[in-house]
Protein backbone atom coordinates (compact mmCIF):
# COMPACT_ATOMS: atom_id res chain seq x y z
CA ARG A 1 -121.83 41.16 -4.56
CA ILE A 2 -123.89 40.25 -1.26
CA GLU A 3 -123.51 36.98 -2.45
CA SER A 4 -119.44 36.99 -2.72
CA LEU A 5 -119.83 38.68 1.46
CA LYS A 6 -121.65 36.01 2.62
CA LEU A 7 -119.44 33.03 1.06
CA ASP A 8 -116.28 34.88 2.25
CA LEU A 9 -118.38 35.36 5.62
CA ASP A 10 -119.11 31.50 5.94
CA THR A 11 -115.50 30.99 4.72
CA THR A 12 -114.36 33.09 7.47
CA LYS A 13 -117.03 31.38 10.00
CA ASP A 14 -115.53 27.49 9.17
CA LYS A 15 -111.68 28.54 9.09
CA LEU A 16 -112.67 30.24 12.72
CA CYS A 17 -114.97 27.24 14.15
CA ARG A 18 -111.78 24.93 12.41
CA ASN A 19 -108.99 27.23 14.50
CA LEU A 20 -111.21 27.09 17.70
CA THR A 21 -111.56 22.93 17.43
CA ASP A 22 -107.82 22.66 16.75
CA LEU A 23 -106.91 25.22 19.79
CA THR A 24 -109.37 22.71 22.21
CA SER A 25 -107.85 19.70 21.27
CA ALA A 26 -104.34 21.18 21.27
CA SER A 27 -105.49 22.58 25.00
CA ARG A 28 -106.70 19.42 25.86
CA LYS A 29 -103.30 17.81 24.59
CA ILE A 30 -101.26 20.28 26.98
CA SER A 31 -103.59 19.55 29.59
CA GLU A 32 -102.63 15.70 29.27
CA VAL A 33 -99.04 16.52 29.07
CA GLU A 34 -99.14 18.46 32.26
CA LEU A 35 -100.99 15.79 34.16
CA GLN A 36 -98.38 13.44 32.94
CA LYS A 37 -95.49 15.90 33.84
CA THR A 38 -97.32 16.02 37.16
CA MET A 39 -97.54 12.15 37.88
CA VAL A 40 -93.30 11.87 36.48
CA GLU A 41 -92.39 14.48 38.85
CA ALA A 42 -94.44 12.80 41.86
CA GLU A 43 -92.70 9.48 40.65
CA LEU A 44 -89.48 10.89 40.56
CA GLY A 45 -90.09 12.77 43.64
CA LYS A 46 -90.36 8.87 45.93
CA HIS A 47 -87.25 8.01 44.09
CA VAL A 48 -85.27 10.86 45.40
CA GLU A 49 -86.76 10.30 48.81
CA TYR A 50 -86.25 6.59 48.61
CA LEU A 51 -82.50 7.35 47.36
CA GLU A 52 -81.70 10.12 49.73
CA SER A 53 -83.12 7.53 52.52
CA GLU A 54 -81.04 4.76 51.20
CA LEU A 55 -77.85 7.37 51.37
CA LYS A 56 -78.87 8.41 55.03
CA GLY A 57 -78.25 4.62 55.58
CA VAL A 58 -75.16 4.13 53.79
CA ARG A 59 -73.55 7.29 55.34
CA ALA A 60 -74.21 5.63 58.55
CA THR A 61 -72.94 2.50 57.94
CA PHE A 62 -70.35 3.84 56.72
CA SER A 63 -69.23 5.93 59.33
CA GLU A 64 -69.96 3.17 62.06
CA ARG A 65 -67.68 0.92 60.14
CA LEU A 66 -65.22 3.94 59.85
CA SER A 67 -65.33 4.27 63.63
CA SER A 68 -64.66 0.50 64.64
CA LEU A 69 -61.83 0.54 62.10
CA THR A 70 -60.26 3.58 63.39
CA SER A 71 -60.93 2.07 66.99
CA GLU A 72 -59.40 -1.41 65.91
CA ARG A 73 -56.23 -0.04 64.08
CA ASP A 74 -55.71 2.50 67.31
CA SER A 75 -55.55 -1.12 69.32
CA LEU A 76 -53.55 -2.70 67.23
CA ALA A 77 -51.36 0.27 67.21
CA SER A 78 -50.99 0.17 70.92
CA LYS A 79 -50.78 -3.80 70.95
CA ILE A 80 -47.81 -3.64 68.45
CA SER A 81 -46.23 -1.11 70.49
CA GLU A 82 -46.35 -3.34 73.52
CA LEU A 83 -44.69 -6.16 71.69
CA GLU A 84 -41.67 -3.89 70.60
CA PHE A 85 -40.85 -2.67 74.22
CA GLU A 86 -41.16 -6.21 75.12
CA LYS A 87 -39.30 -7.94 72.21
CA GLU A 88 -36.55 -5.04 72.96
CA SER A 89 -36.55 -6.00 76.93
CA VAL A 90 -36.25 -9.78 75.88
CA GLU A 91 -33.13 -8.53 73.13
CA THR A 92 -31.56 -6.60 76.20
CA GLU A 93 -32.17 -9.45 78.62
CA LEU A 94 -30.43 -11.83 76.21
CA GLN A 95 -27.72 -9.82 75.71
CA LEU A 96 -26.99 -9.26 79.09
CA ARG A 97 -27.18 -13.26 79.67
CA ILE A 98 -24.73 -13.87 76.66
CA GLN A 99 -22.53 -11.16 78.13
CA PHE A 100 -22.75 -13.01 81.88
CA LEU A 101 -21.99 -16.63 80.02
CA GLN A 102 -19.17 -15.08 77.87
CA SER A 103 -17.53 -13.79 80.74
CA ASP A 104 -18.27 -16.47 83.53
CA HIS A 105 -16.59 -18.85 80.11
CA ASP A 106 -13.66 -16.59 79.90
CA SER A 107 -12.69 -16.94 83.52
């Protein structure tokens, strides 16, 4: 009976040692994975910072370009208005000359 209990105790002790070894190995693997996770997060953080910086630059460039194009559009619209006014003035003057020449020719 004692021999049987000793054998059971030795078997239980071996199982506990294997379980402890397995737990230690699993704990090491968890630590390695956590370290890798931290490294990946740090690398991702660098990429996010870079992309945010690039995005700010693109936004600034876009804003400057939009402002420049808006100013150019306004300038062209003003020039078009001036040219339309000048065209109307020339057409009016031309009509008056035609009428003058017709009236001069009729008399």
